[in-house]
Amino acid sequence: EEADCQVLNEAFVHRIVHGRPFGILKY
């Protein structure tokens, strides 16, 4: 179930890989 695991922690992964928080734009 890797795809679902990646989505759940996409923000954590982005933080580790890019050195920034994961940003969501809502409007």
mmCIF file of all heavy atoms, coordinates in Angstrom:
data_MODEL
# 
_entry.id   MODEL 
# 
loop_
_atom_site.group_PDB 
_atom_site.id 
_atom_site.type_symbol 
_atom_site.label_atom_id 
_atom_site.label_alt_id 
_atom_site.label_comp_id 
_atom_site.label_asym_id 
_atom_site.label_entity_id 
_atom_site.label_seq_id 
_atom_site.pdbx_PDB_ins_code 
_atom_site.Cartn_x 
_atom_site.Cartn_y 
_atom_site.Cartn_z 
_atom_site.occupancy 
_atom_site.B_iso_or_equiv 
_atom_site.pdbx_formal_charge 
_atom_site.auth_seq_id 
_atom_site.auth_comp_id 
_atom_site.auth_asym_id 
_atom_site.auth_atom_id 
_atom_site.pdbx_PDB_model_num 
ATOM 1   N N   . GLU A 1 1  ? 0.835   -1.215 0.000  1.00 0.00 ? 1  GLU A N   1 
ATOM 2   C CA  . GLU A 1 1  ? 0.000   0.000  0.000  1.00 0.00 ? 1  GLU A CA  1 
ATOM 3   C C   . GLU A 1 1  ? 0.866   1.259  0.000  1.00 0.00 ? 1  GLU A C   1 
ATOM 4   O O   . GLU A 1 1  ? 0.541   2.272  0.649  1.00 0.00 ? 1  GLU A O   1 
ATOM 5   C CB  . GLU A 1 1  ? -0.947  0.006  1.212  1.00 0.00 ? 1  GLU A CB  1 
ATOM 6   C CG  . GLU A 1 1  ? -1.884  -1.179 1.275  1.00 0.00 ? 1  GLU A CG  1 
ATOM 7   C CD  . GLU A 1 1  ? -2.934  -1.182 0.149  1.00 0.00 ? 1  GLU A CD  1 
ATOM 8   O OE1 . GLU A 1 1  ? -2.582  -1.597 -0.975 1.00 0.00 ? 1  GLU A OE1 1 
ATOM 9   O OE2 . GLU A 1 1  ? -4.068  -0.774 0.401  1.00 0.00 ? 1  GLU A OE2 1 
ATOM 10  N N   . GLU A 1 2  ? 1.954   1.213  -0.748 1.00 0.00 ? 2  GLU A N   1 
ATOM 11  C CA  . GLU A 1 2  ? 2.936   2.299  -0.716 1.00 0.00 ? 2  GLU A CA  1 
ATOM 12  C C   . GLU A 1 2  ? 2.356   3.642  -1.151 1.00 0.00 ? 2  GLU A C   1 
ATOM 13  O O   . GLU A 1 2  ? 2.679   4.681  -0.571 1.00 0.00 ? 2  GLU A O   1 
ATOM 14  C CB  . GLU A 1 2  ? 4.143   1.953  -1.582 1.00 0.00 ? 2  GLU A CB  1 
ATOM 15  C CG  . GLU A 1 2  ? 5.237   3.004  -1.533 1.00 0.00 ? 2  GLU A CG  1 
ATOM 16  C CD  . GLU A 1 2  ? 6.505   2.589  -2.240 1.00 0.00 ? 2  GLU A CD  1 
ATOM 17  O OE1 . GLU A 1 2  ? 6.508   1.530  -2.903 1.00 0.00 ? 2  GLU A OE1 1 
ATOM 18  O OE2 . GLU A 1 2  ? 7.504   3.316  -2.133 1.00 0.00 ? 2  GLU A OE2 1 
ATOM 19  N N   . ALA A 1 3  ? 1.503   3.641  -2.172 1.00 0.00 ? 3  ALA A N   1 
ATOM 20  C CA  . ALA A 1 3  ? 0.945   4.907  -2.660 1.00 0.00 ? 3  ALA A CA  1 
ATOM 21  C C   . ALA A 1 3  ? 0.168   5.615  -1.555 1.00 0.00 ? 3  ALA A C   1 
ATOM 22  O O   . ALA A 1 3  ? 0.312   6.827  -1.349 1.00 0.00 ? 3  ALA A O   1 
ATOM 23  C CB  . ALA A 1 3  ? 0.048   4.656  -3.869 1.00 0.00 ? 3  ALA A CB  1 
ATOM 24  N N   . ASP A 1 4  ? -0.647  4.866  -0.823 1.00 0.00 ? 4  ASP A N   1 
ATOM 25  C CA  . ASP A 1 4  ? -1.420  5.462  0.266  1.00 0.00 ? 4  ASP A CA  1 
ATOM 26  C C   . ASP A 1 4  ? -0.507  5.917  1.397  1.00 0.00 ? 4  ASP A C   1 
ATOM 27  O O   . ASP A 1 4  ? -0.769  6.949  2.041  1.00 0.00 ? 4  ASP A O   1 
ATOM 28  C CB  . ASP A 1 4  ? -2.445  4.462  0.800  1.00 0.00 ? 4  ASP A CB  1 
ATOM 29  C CG  . ASP A 1 4  ? -3.613  4.250  -0.159 1.00 0.00 ? 4  ASP A CG  1 
ATOM 30  O OD1 . ASP A 1 4  ? -3.712  5.007  -1.142 1.00 0.00 ? 4  ASP A OD1 1 
ATOM 31  O OD2 . ASP A 1 4  ? -4.412  3.328  0.077  1.00 0.00 ? 4  ASP A OD2 1 
ATOM 32  N N   . CYS A 1 5  ? 0.549   5.170  1.637  1.00 0.00 ? 5  CYS A N   1 
ATOM 33  C CA  . CYS A 1 5  ? 1.507   5.554  2.677  1.00 0.00 ? 5  CYS A CA  1 
ATOM 34  C C   . CYS A 1 5  ? 2.227   6.849  2.307  1.00 0.00 ? 5  CYS A C   1 
ATOM 35  O O   . CYS A 1 5  ? 2.462   7.712  3.161  1.00 0.00 ? 5  CYS A O   1 
ATOM 36  C CB  . CYS A 1 5  ? 2.524   4.434  2.901  1.00 0.00 ? 5  CYS A CB  1 
ATOM 37  S SG  . CYS A 1 5  ? 1.824   2.920  3.601  1.00 0.00 ? 5  CYS A SG  1 
ATOM 38  N N   . GLN A 1 6  ? 2.560   7.000  1.044  1.00 0.00 ? 6  GLN A N   1 
ATOM 39  C CA  . GLN A 1 6  ? 3.234   8.207  0.580  1.00 0.00 ? 6  GLN A CA  1 
ATOM 40  C C   . GLN A 1 6  ? 2.324   9.423  0.716  1.00 0.00 ? 6  GLN A C   1 
ATOM 41  O O   . GLN A 1 6  ? 2.764   10.498 1.146  1.00 0.00 ? 6  GLN A O   1 
ATOM 42  C CB  . GLN A 1 6  ? 3.662   8.045  -0.888 1.00 0.00 ? 6  GLN A CB  1 
ATOM 43  C CG  . GLN A 1 6  ? 4.803   7.068  -1.121 1.00 0.00 ? 6  GLN A CG  1 
ATOM 44  C CD  . GLN A 1 6  ? 6.176   7.674  -0.847 1.00 0.00 ? 6  GLN A CD  1 
ATOM 45  O OE1 . GLN A 1 6  ? 6.308   8.859  -0.536 1.00 0.00 ? 6  GLN A OE1 1 
ATOM 46  N NE2 . GLN A 1 6  ? 7.206   6.855  -0.964 1.00 0.00 ? 6  GLN A NE2 1 
ATOM 47  N N   . VAL A 1 7  ? 1.048   9.274  0.366  1.00 0.00 ? 7  VAL A N   1 
ATOM 48  C CA  . VAL A 1 7  ? 0.107   10.390 0.455  1.00 0.00 ? 7  VAL A CA  1 
ATOM 49  C C   . VAL A 1 7  ? -0.076  10.818 1.907  1.00 0.00 ? 7  VAL A C   1 
ATOM 50  O O   . VAL A 1 7  ? -0.096  12.018 2.220  1.00 0.00 ? 7  VAL A O   1 
ATOM 51  C CB  . VAL A 1 7  ? -1.253  10.015 -0.174 1.00 0.00 ? 7  VAL A CB  1 
ATOM 52  C CG1 . VAL A 1 7  ? -2.308  11.070 0.156  1.00 0.00 ? 7  VAL A CG1 1 
ATOM 53  C CG2 . VAL A 1 7  ? -1.113  9.864  -1.679 1.00 0.00 ? 7  VAL A CG2 1 
ATOM 54  N N   . LEU A 1 8  ? -0.213  9.857  2.812  1.00 0.00 ? 8  LEU A N   1 
ATOM 55  C CA  . LEU A 1 8  ? -0.418  10.199 4.218  1.00 0.00 ? 8  LEU A CA  1 
ATOM 56  C C   . LEU A 1 8  ? 0.715   11.065 4.752  1.00 0.00 ? 8  LEU A C   1 
ATOM 57  O O   . LEU A 1 8  ? 0.480   12.032 5.489  1.00 0.00 ? 8  LEU A O   1 
ATOM 58  C CB  . LEU A 1 8  ? -0.531  8.930  5.062  1.00 0.00 ? 8  LEU A CB  1 
ATOM 59  C CG  . LEU A 1 8  ? -0.714  9.174  6.565  1.00 0.00 ? 8  LEU A CG  1 
ATOM 60  C CD1 . LEU A 1 8  ? -2.076  9.783  6.859  1.00 0.00 ? 8  LEU A CD1 1 
ATOM 61  C CD2 . LEU A 1 8  ? -0.503  7.899  7.359  1.00 0.00 ? 8  LEU A CD2 1 
ATOM 62  N N   . ASN A 1 9  ? 1.943   10.752 4.370  1.00 0.00 ? 9  ASN A N   1 
ATOM 63  C CA  . ASN A 1 9  ? 3.104   11.479 4.889  1.00 0.00 ? 9  ASN A CA  1 
ATOM 64  C C   . ASN A 1 9  ? 3.789   12.338 3.835  1.00 0.00 ? 9  ASN A C   1 
ATOM 65  O O   . ASN A 1 9  ? 4.993   12.595 3.913  1.00 0.00 ? 9  ASN A O   1 
ATOM 66  C CB  . ASN A 1 9  ? 4.103   10.493 5.503  1.00 0.00 ? 9  ASN A CB  1 
ATOM 67  C CG  . ASN A 1 9  ? 3.737   10.135 6.932  1.00 0.00 ? 9  ASN A CG  1 
ATOM 68  O OD1 . ASN A 1 9  ? 3.500   11.010 7.761  1.00 0.00 ? 9  ASN A OD1 1 
ATOM 69  N ND2 . ASN A 1 9  ? 3.678   8.840  7.220  1.00 0.00 ? 9  ASN A ND2 1 
ATOM 70  N N   . GLU A 1 10 ? 3.005   12.839 2.858  1.00 0.00 ? 10 GLU A N   1 
ATOM 71  C CA  . GLU A 1 10 ? 3.604   13.650 1.800  1.00 0.00 ? 10 GLU A CA  1 
ATOM 72  C C   . GLU A 1 10 ? 4.253   14.916 2.356  1.00 0.00 ? 10 GLU A C   1 
ATOM 73  O O   . GLU A 1 10 ? 5.269   15.383 1.834  1.00 0.00 ? 10 GLU A O   1 
ATOM 74  C CB  . GLU A 1 10 ? 2.574   13.992 0.731  1.00 0.00 ? 10 GLU A CB  1 
ATOM 75  C CG  . GLU A 1 10 ? 1.391   14.816 1.221  1.00 0.00 ? 10 GLU A CG  1 
ATOM 76  C CD  . GLU A 1 10 ? 0.329   15.001 0.144  1.00 0.00 ? 10 GLU A CD  1 
ATOM 77  O OE1 . GLU A 1 10 ? 0.469   14.420 -0.954 1.00 0.00 ? 10 GLU A OE1 1 
ATOM 78  O OE2 . GLU A 1 10 ? -0.658  15.723 0.404  1.00 0.00 ? 10 GLU A OE2 1 
ATOM 79  N N   . ALA A 1 11 ? 3.692   15.479 3.414  1.00 0.00 ? 11 ALA A N   1 
ATOM 80  C CA  . ALA A 1 11 ? 4.268   16.693 3.999  1.00 0.00 ? 11 ALA A CA  1 
ATOM 81  C C   . ALA A 1 11 ? 5.598   16.385 4.683  1.00 0.00 ? 11 ALA A C   1 
ATOM 82  O O   . ALA A 1 11 ? 6.570   17.139 4.539  1.00 0.00 ? 11 ALA A O   1 
ATOM 83  C CB  . ALA A 1 11 ? 3.291   17.309 4.995  1.00 0.00 ? 11 ALA A CB  1 
ATOM 84  N N   . PHE A 1 12 ? 5.653   15.288 5.408  1.00 0.00 ? 12 PHE A N   1 
ATOM 85  C CA  . PHE A 1 12 ? 6.897   14.876 6.060  1.00 0.00 ? 12 PHE A CA  1 
ATOM 86  C C   . PHE A 1 12 ? 7.982   14.606 5.022  1.00 0.00 ? 12 PHE A C   1 
ATOM 87  O O   . PHE A 1 12 ? 9.128   15.042 5.175  1.00 0.00 ? 12 PHE A O   1 
ATOM 88  C CB  . PHE A 1 12 ? 6.642   13.630 6.904  1.00 0.00 ? 12 PHE A CB  1 
ATOM 89  C CG  . PHE A 1 12 ? 7.892   12.950 7.397  1.00 0.00 ? 12 PHE A CG  1 
ATOM 90  C CD1 . PHE A 1 12 ? 8.643   13.492 8.432  1.00 0.00 ? 12 PHE A CD1 1 
ATOM 91  C CD2 . PHE A 1 12 ? 8.325   11.754 6.824  1.00 0.00 ? 12 PHE A CD2 1 
ATOM 92  C CE1 . PHE A 1 12 ? 9.800   12.872 8.886  1.00 0.00 ? 12 PHE A CE1 1 
ATOM 93  C CE2 . PHE A 1 12 ? 9.471   11.128 7.276  1.00 0.00 ? 12 PHE A CE2 1 
ATOM 94  C CZ  . PHE A 1 12 ? 10.216  11.682 8.305  1.00 0.00 ? 12 PHE A CZ  1 
ATOM 95  N N   . VAL A 1 13 ? 7.618   13.904 3.954  1.00 0.00 ? 13 VAL A N   1 
ATOM 96  C CA  . VAL A 1 13 ? 8.579   13.598 2.893  1.00 0.00 ? 13 VAL A CA  1 
ATOM 97  C C   . VAL A 1 13 ? 9.093   14.884 2.252  1.00 0.00 ? 13 VAL A C   1 
ATOM 98  O O   . VAL A 1 13 ? 10.299  15.051 2.029  1.00 0.00 ? 13 VAL A O   1 
ATOM 99  C CB  . VAL A 1 13 ? 7.940   12.683 1.826  1.00 0.00 ? 13 VAL A CB  1 
ATOM 100 C CG1 . VAL A 1 13 ? 8.879   12.516 0.628  1.00 0.00 ? 13 VAL A CG1 1 
ATOM 101 C CG2 . VAL A 1 13 ? 7.604   11.320 2.418  1.00 0.00 ? 13 VAL A CG2 1 
ATOM 102 N N   . HIS A 1 14 ? 8.180   15.819 1.962  1.00 0.00 ? 14 HIS A N   1 
ATOM 103 C CA  . HIS A 1 14 ? 8.582   17.089 1.343  1.00 0.00 ? 14 HIS A CA  1 
ATOM 104 C C   . HIS A 1 14 ? 9.530   17.847 2.258  1.00 0.00 ? 14 HIS A C   1 
ATOM 105 O O   . HIS A 1 14 ? 10.528  18.437 1.806  1.00 0.00 ? 14 HIS A O   1 
ATOM 106 C CB  . HIS A 1 14 ? 7.350   17.937 1.040  1.00 0.00 ? 14 HIS A CB  1 
ATOM 107 C CG  . HIS A 1 14 ? 7.662   19.213 0.316  1.00 0.00 ? 14 HIS A CG  1 
ATOM 108 N ND1 . HIS A 1 14 ? 7.820   19.283 -1.044 1.00 0.00 ? 14 HIS A ND1 1 
ATOM 109 C CD2 . HIS A 1 14 ? 7.886   20.469 0.783  1.00 0.00 ? 14 HIS A CD2 1 
ATOM 110 C CE1 . HIS A 1 14 ? 8.104   20.526 -1.398 1.00 0.00 ? 14 HIS A CE1 1 
ATOM 111 N NE2 . HIS A 1 14 ? 8.161   21.264 -0.304 1.00 0.00 ? 14 HIS A NE2 1 
ATOM 112 N N   . ARG A 1 15 ? 9.231   17.879 3.537  1.00 0.00 ? 15 ARG A N   1 
ATOM 113 C CA  . ARG A 1 15 ? 10.085  18.577 4.501  1.00 0.00 ? 15 ARG A CA  1 
ATOM 114 C C   . ARG A 1 15 ? 11.496  17.992 4.508  1.00 0.00 ? 15 ARG A C   1 
ATOM 115 O O   . ARG A 1 15 ? 12.490  18.713 4.508  1.00 0.00 ? 15 ARG A O   1 
ATOM 116 C CB  . ARG A 1 15 ? 9.464   18.462 5.900  1.00 0.00 ? 15 ARG A CB  1 
ATOM 117 C CG  . ARG A 1 15 ? 10.349  18.998 7.009  1.00 0.00 ? 15 ARG A CG  1 
ATOM 118 C CD  . ARG A 1 15 ? 9.765   18.753 8.401  1.00 0.00 ? 15 ARG A CD  1 
ATOM 119 N NE  . ARG A 1 15 ? 10.757  19.094 9.404  1.00 0.00 ? 15 ARG A NE  1 
ATOM 120 C CZ  . ARG A 1 15 ? 10.973  20.323 9.864  1.00 0.00 ? 15 ARG A CZ  1 
ATOM 121 N NH1 . ARG A 1 15 ? 10.233  21.325 9.411  1.00 0.00 ? 15 ARG A NH1 1 
ATOM 122 N NH2 . ARG A 1 15 ? 11.901  20.562 10.748 1.00 0.00 ? 15 ARG A NH2 1 
ATOM 123 N N   . ILE A 1 16 ? 11.590  16.663 4.484  1.00 0.00 ? 16 ILE A N   1 
ATOM 124 C CA  . ILE A 1 16 ? 12.898  15.990 4.512  1.00 0.00 ? 16 ILE A CA  1 
ATOM 125 C C   . ILE A 1 16 ? 13.667  16.239 3.219  1.00 0.00 ? 16 ILE A C   1 
ATOM 126 O O   . ILE A 1 16 ? 14.855  16.567 3.230  1.00 0.00 ? 16 ILE A O   1 
ATOM 127 C CB  . ILE A 1 16 ? 12.726  14.476 4.741  1.00 0.00 ? 16 ILE A CB  1 
ATOM 128 C CG1 . ILE A 1 16 ? 12.190  14.195 6.153  1.00 0.00 ? 16 ILE A CG1 1 
ATOM 129 C CG2 . ILE A 1 16 ? 14.034  13.745 4.512  1.00 0.00 ? 16 ILE A CG2 1 
ATOM 130 C CD1 . ILE A 1 16 ? 13.126  14.556 7.276  1.00 0.00 ? 16 ILE A CD1 1 
ATOM 131 N N   . VAL A 1 17 ? 12.983  16.103 2.095  1.00 0.00 ? 17 VAL A N   1 
ATOM 132 C CA  . VAL A 1 17 ? 13.646  16.181 0.783  1.00 0.00 ? 17 VAL A CA  1 
ATOM 133 C C   . VAL A 1 17 ? 14.009  17.616 0.404  1.00 0.00 ? 17 VAL A C   1 
ATOM 134 O O   . VAL A 1 17 ? 15.095  17.885 -0.120 1.00 0.00 ? 17 VAL A O   1 
ATOM 135 C CB  . VAL A 1 17 ? 12.760  15.545 -0.310 1.00 0.00 ? 17 VAL A CB  1 
ATOM 136 C CG1 . VAL A 1 17 ? 13.364  15.760 -1.694 1.00 0.00 ? 17 VAL A CG1 1 
ATOM 137 C CG2 . VAL A 1 17 ? 12.573  14.057 -0.038 1.00 0.00 ? 17 VAL A CG2 1 
ATOM 138 N N   . HIS A 1 18 ? 13.103  18.579 0.691  1.00 0.00 ? 18 HIS A N   1 
ATOM 139 C CA  . HIS A 1 18 ? 13.283  19.953 0.213  1.00 0.00 ? 18 HIS A CA  1 
ATOM 140 C C   . HIS A 1 18 ? 13.669  20.942 1.309  1.00 0.00 ? 18 HIS A C   1 
ATOM 141 O O   . HIS A 1 18 ? 13.973  22.104 1.006  1.00 0.00 ? 18 HIS A O   1 
ATOM 142 C CB  . HIS A 1 18 ? 12.008  20.429 -0.481 1.00 0.00 ? 18 HIS A CB  1 
ATOM 143 C CG  . HIS A 1 18 ? 11.646  19.638 -1.711 1.00 0.00 ? 18 HIS A CG  1 
ATOM 144 N ND1 . HIS A 1 18 ? 12.292  19.793 -2.908 1.00 0.00 ? 18 HIS A ND1 1 
ATOM 145 C CD2 . HIS A 1 18 ? 10.730  18.664 -1.908 1.00 0.00 ? 18 HIS A CD2 1 
ATOM 146 C CE1 . HIS A 1 18 ? 11.767  18.967 -3.804 1.00 0.00 ? 18 HIS A CE1 1 
ATOM 147 N NE2 . HIS A 1 18 ? 10.827  18.271 -3.223 1.00 0.00 ? 18 HIS A NE2 1 
ATOM 148 N N   . GLY A 1 19 ? 13.645  20.526 2.564  1.00 0.00 ? 19 GLY A N   1 
ATOM 149 C CA  . GLY A 1 19 ? 14.021  21.434 3.641  1.00 0.00 ? 19 GLY A CA  1 
ATOM 150 C C   . GLY A 1 19 ? 13.042  22.569 3.849  1.00 0.00 ? 19 GLY A C   1 
ATOM 151 O O   . GLY A 1 19 ? 13.404  23.655 4.294  1.00 0.00 ? 19 GLY A O   1 
ATOM 152 N N   . ARG A 1 20 ? 11.771  22.318 3.537  1.00 0.00 ? 20 ARG A N   1 
ATOM 153 C CA  . ARG A 1 20 ? 10.699  23.295 3.717  1.00 0.00 ? 20 ARG A CA  1 
ATOM 154 C C   . ARG A 1 20 ? 9.412   22.570 4.069  1.00 0.00 ? 20 ARG A C   1 
ATOM 155 O O   . ARG A 1 20 ? 9.233   21.410 3.682  1.00 0.00 ? 20 ARG A O   1 
ATOM 156 C CB  . ARG A 1 20 ? 10.443  24.081 2.428  1.00 0.00 ? 20 ARG A CB  1 
ATOM 157 C CG  . ARG A 1 20 ? 11.243  25.353 2.264  1.00 0.00 ? 20 ARG A CG  1 
ATOM 158 C CD  . ARG A 1 20 ? 10.721  26.107 1.063  1.00 0.00 ? 20 ARG A CD  1 
ATOM 159 N NE  . ARG A 1 20 ? 11.459  27.333 0.798  1.00 0.00 ? 20 ARG A NE  1 
ATOM 160 C CZ  . ARG A 1 20 ? 11.169  28.170 -0.175 1.00 0.00 ? 20 ARG A CZ  1 
ATOM 161 N NH1 . ARG A 1 20 ? 10.164  27.888 -1.001 1.00 0.00 ? 20 ARG A NH1 1 
ATOM 162 N NH2 . ARG A 1 20 ? 11.870  29.264 -0.355 1.00 0.00 ? 20 ARG A NH2 1 
ATOM 163 N N   . PRO A 1 21 ? 8.480   23.252 4.742  1.00 0.00 ? 21 PRO A N   1 
ATOM 164 C CA  . PRO A 1 21 ? 7.166   22.634 4.943  1.00 0.00 ? 21 PRO A CA  1 
ATOM 165 C C   . PRO A 1 21 ? 6.443   22.440 3.611  1.00 0.00 ? 21 PRO A C   1 
ATOM 166 O O   . PRO A 1 21 ? 6.765   23.085 2.617  1.00 0.00 ? 21 PRO A O   1 
ATOM 167 C CB  . PRO A 1 21 ? 6.426   23.652 5.821  1.00 0.00 ? 21 PRO A CB  1 
ATOM 168 C CG  . PRO A 1 21 ? 7.500   24.479 6.452  1.00 0.00 ? 21 PRO A CG  1 
ATOM 169 C CD  . PRO A 1 21 ? 8.602   24.542 5.432  1.00 0.00 ? 21 PRO A CD  1 
ATOM 170 N N   . PHE A 1 22 ? 5.464   21.573 3.624  1.00 0.00 ? 22 PHE A N   1 
ATOM 171 C CA  . PHE A 1 22 ? 4.616   21.295 2.478  1.00 0.00 ? 22 PHE A CA  1 
ATOM 172 C C   . PHE A 1 22 ? 3.506   22.344 2.452  1.00 0.00 ? 22 PHE A C   1 
ATOM 173 O O   . PHE A 1 22 ? 2.823   22.564 3.450  1.00 0.00 ? 22 PHE A O   1 
ATOM 174 C CB  . PHE A 1 22 ? 4.029   19.893 2.623  1.00 0.00 ? 22 PHE A CB  1 
ATOM 175 C CG  . PHE A 1 22 ? 3.170   19.420 1.491  1.00 0.00 ? 22 PHE A CG  1 
ATOM 176 C CD1 . PHE A 1 22 ? 3.739   18.891 0.344  1.00 0.00 ? 22 PHE A CD1 1 
ATOM 177 C CD2 . PHE A 1 22 ? 1.782   19.476 1.584  1.00 0.00 ? 22 PHE A CD2 1 
ATOM 178 C CE1 . PHE A 1 22 ? 2.948   18.427 -0.692 1.00 0.00 ? 22 PHE A CE1 1 
ATOM 179 C CE2 . PHE A 1 22 ? 0.978   19.017 0.558  1.00 0.00 ? 22 PHE A CE2 1 
ATOM 180 C CZ  . PHE A 1 22 ? 1.564   18.488 -0.585 1.00 0.00 ? 22 PHE A CZ  1 
ATOM 181 N N   . GLY A 1 23 ? 3.323   23.011 1.309  1.00 0.00 ? 23 GLY A N   1 
ATOM 182 C CA  . GLY A 1 23 ? 2.351   24.091 1.217  1.00 0.00 ? 23 GLY A CA  1 
ATOM 183 C C   . GLY A 1 23 ? 1.102   23.701 0.453  1.00 0.00 ? 23 GLY A C   1 
ATOM 184 O O   . GLY A 1 23 ? 1.169   23.106 -0.627 1.00 0.00 ? 23 GLY A O   1 
ATOM 185 N N   . ILE A 1 24 ? -0.050  24.024 1.029  1.00 0.00 ? 24 ILE A N   1 
ATOM 186 C CA  . ILE A 1 24 ? -1.349  23.802 0.383  1.00 0.00 ? 24 ILE A CA  1 
ATOM 187 C C   . ILE A 1 24 ? -2.033  25.152 0.206  1.00 0.00 ? 24 ILE A C   1 
ATOM 188 O O   . ILE A 1 24 ? -2.182  25.907 1.172  1.00 0.00 ? 24 ILE A O   1 
ATOM 189 C CB  . ILE A 1 24 ? -2.263  22.883 1.219  1.00 0.00 ? 24 ILE A CB  1 
ATOM 190 C CG1 . ILE A 1 24 ? -1.585  21.536 1.490  1.00 0.00 ? 24 ILE A CG1 1 
ATOM 191 C CG2 . ILE A 1 24 ? -3.605  22.667 0.509  1.00 0.00 ? 24 ILE A CG2 1 
ATOM 192 C CD1 . ILE A 1 24 ? -2.349  20.655 2.451  1.00 0.00 ? 24 ILE A CD1 1 
ATOM 193 N N   . LEU A 1 25 ? -2.428  25.478 -1.007 1.00 0.00 ? 25 LEU A N   1 
ATOM 194 C CA  . LEU A 1 25 ? -3.178  26.705 -1.272 1.00 0.00 ? 25 LEU A CA  1 
ATOM 195 C C   . LEU A 1 25 ? -4.656  26.350 -1.363 1.00 0.00 ? 25 LEU A C   1 
ATOM 196 O O   . LEU A 1 25 ? -5.060  25.532 -2.186 1.00 0.00 ? 25 LEU A O   1 
ATOM 197 C CB  . LEU A 1 25 ? -2.715  27.356 -2.577 1.00 0.00 ? 25 LEU A CB  1 
ATOM 198 C CG  . LEU A 1 25 ? -3.533  28.559 -3.060 1.00 0.00 ? 25 LEU A CG  1 
ATOM 199 C CD1 . LEU A 1 25 ? -3.466  29.708 -2.062 1.00 0.00 ? 25 LEU A CD1 1 
ATOM 200 C CD2 . LEU A 1 25 ? -3.056  29.010 -4.437 1.00 0.00 ? 25 LEU A CD2 1 
ATOM 201 N N   . LYS A 1 26 ? -5.450  26.966 -0.489 1.00 0.00 ? 26 LYS A N   1 
ATOM 202 C CA  . LYS A 1 26 ? -6.895  26.736 -0.478 1.00 0.00 ? 26 LYS A CA  1 
ATOM 203 C C   . LYS A 1 26 ? -7.614  28.025 -0.832 1.00 0.00 ? 26 LYS A C   1 
ATOM 204 O O   . LYS A 1 26 ? -7.289  29.087 -0.321 1.00 0.00 ? 26 LYS A O   1 
ATOM 205 C CB  . LYS A 1 26 ? -7.327  26.260 0.910  1.00 0.00 ? 26 LYS A CB  1 
ATOM 206 C CG  . LYS A 1 26 ? -8.796  25.840 1.023  1.00 0.00 ? 26 LYS A CG  1 
ATOM 207 C CD  . LYS A 1 26 ? -9.814  26.969 1.152  1.00 0.00 ? 26 LYS A CD  1 
ATOM 208 C CE  . LYS A 1 26 ? -9.584  27.869 2.322  1.00 0.00 ? 26 LYS A CE  1 
ATOM 209 N NZ  . LYS A 1 26 ? -10.634 28.979 2.375  1.00 0.00 ? 26 LYS A NZ  1 
ATOM 210 N N   . TYR A 1 27 ? -8.573  27.944 -1.746 1.00 0.00 ? 27 TYR A N   1 
ATOM 211 C CA  . TYR A 1 27 ? -9.404  29.112 -2.021 1.00 0.00 ? 27 TYR A CA  1 
ATOM 212 C C   . TYR A 1 27 ? -10.784 28.662 -2.472 1.00 0.00 ? 27 TYR A C   1 
ATOM 213 O O   . TYR A 1 27 ? -10.985 27.518 -2.888 1.00 0.00 ? 27 TYR A O   1 
ATOM 214 C CB  . TYR A 1 27 ? -8.763  30.037 -3.053 1.00 0.00 ? 27 TYR A CB  1 
ATOM 215 C CG  . TYR A 1 27 ? -8.466  29.417 -4.402 1.00 0.00 ? 27 TYR A CG  1 
ATOM 216 C CD1 . TYR A 1 27 ? -9.450  29.290 -5.376 1.00 0.00 ? 27 TYR A CD1 1 
ATOM 217 C CD2 . TYR A 1 27 ? -7.174  28.992 -4.706 1.00 0.00 ? 27 TYR A CD2 1 
ATOM 218 C CE1 . TYR A 1 27 ? -9.165  28.730 -6.613 1.00 0.00 ? 27 TYR A CE1 1 
ATOM 219 C CE2 . TYR A 1 27 ? -6.880  28.426 -5.939 1.00 0.00 ? 27 TYR A CE2 1 
ATOM 220 C CZ  . TYR A 1 27 ? -7.881  28.305 -6.893 1.00 0.00 ? 27 TYR A CZ  1 
ATOM 221 O OH  . TYR A 1 27 ? -7.602  27.753 -8.112 1.00 0.00 ? 27 TYR A OH  1 
# 
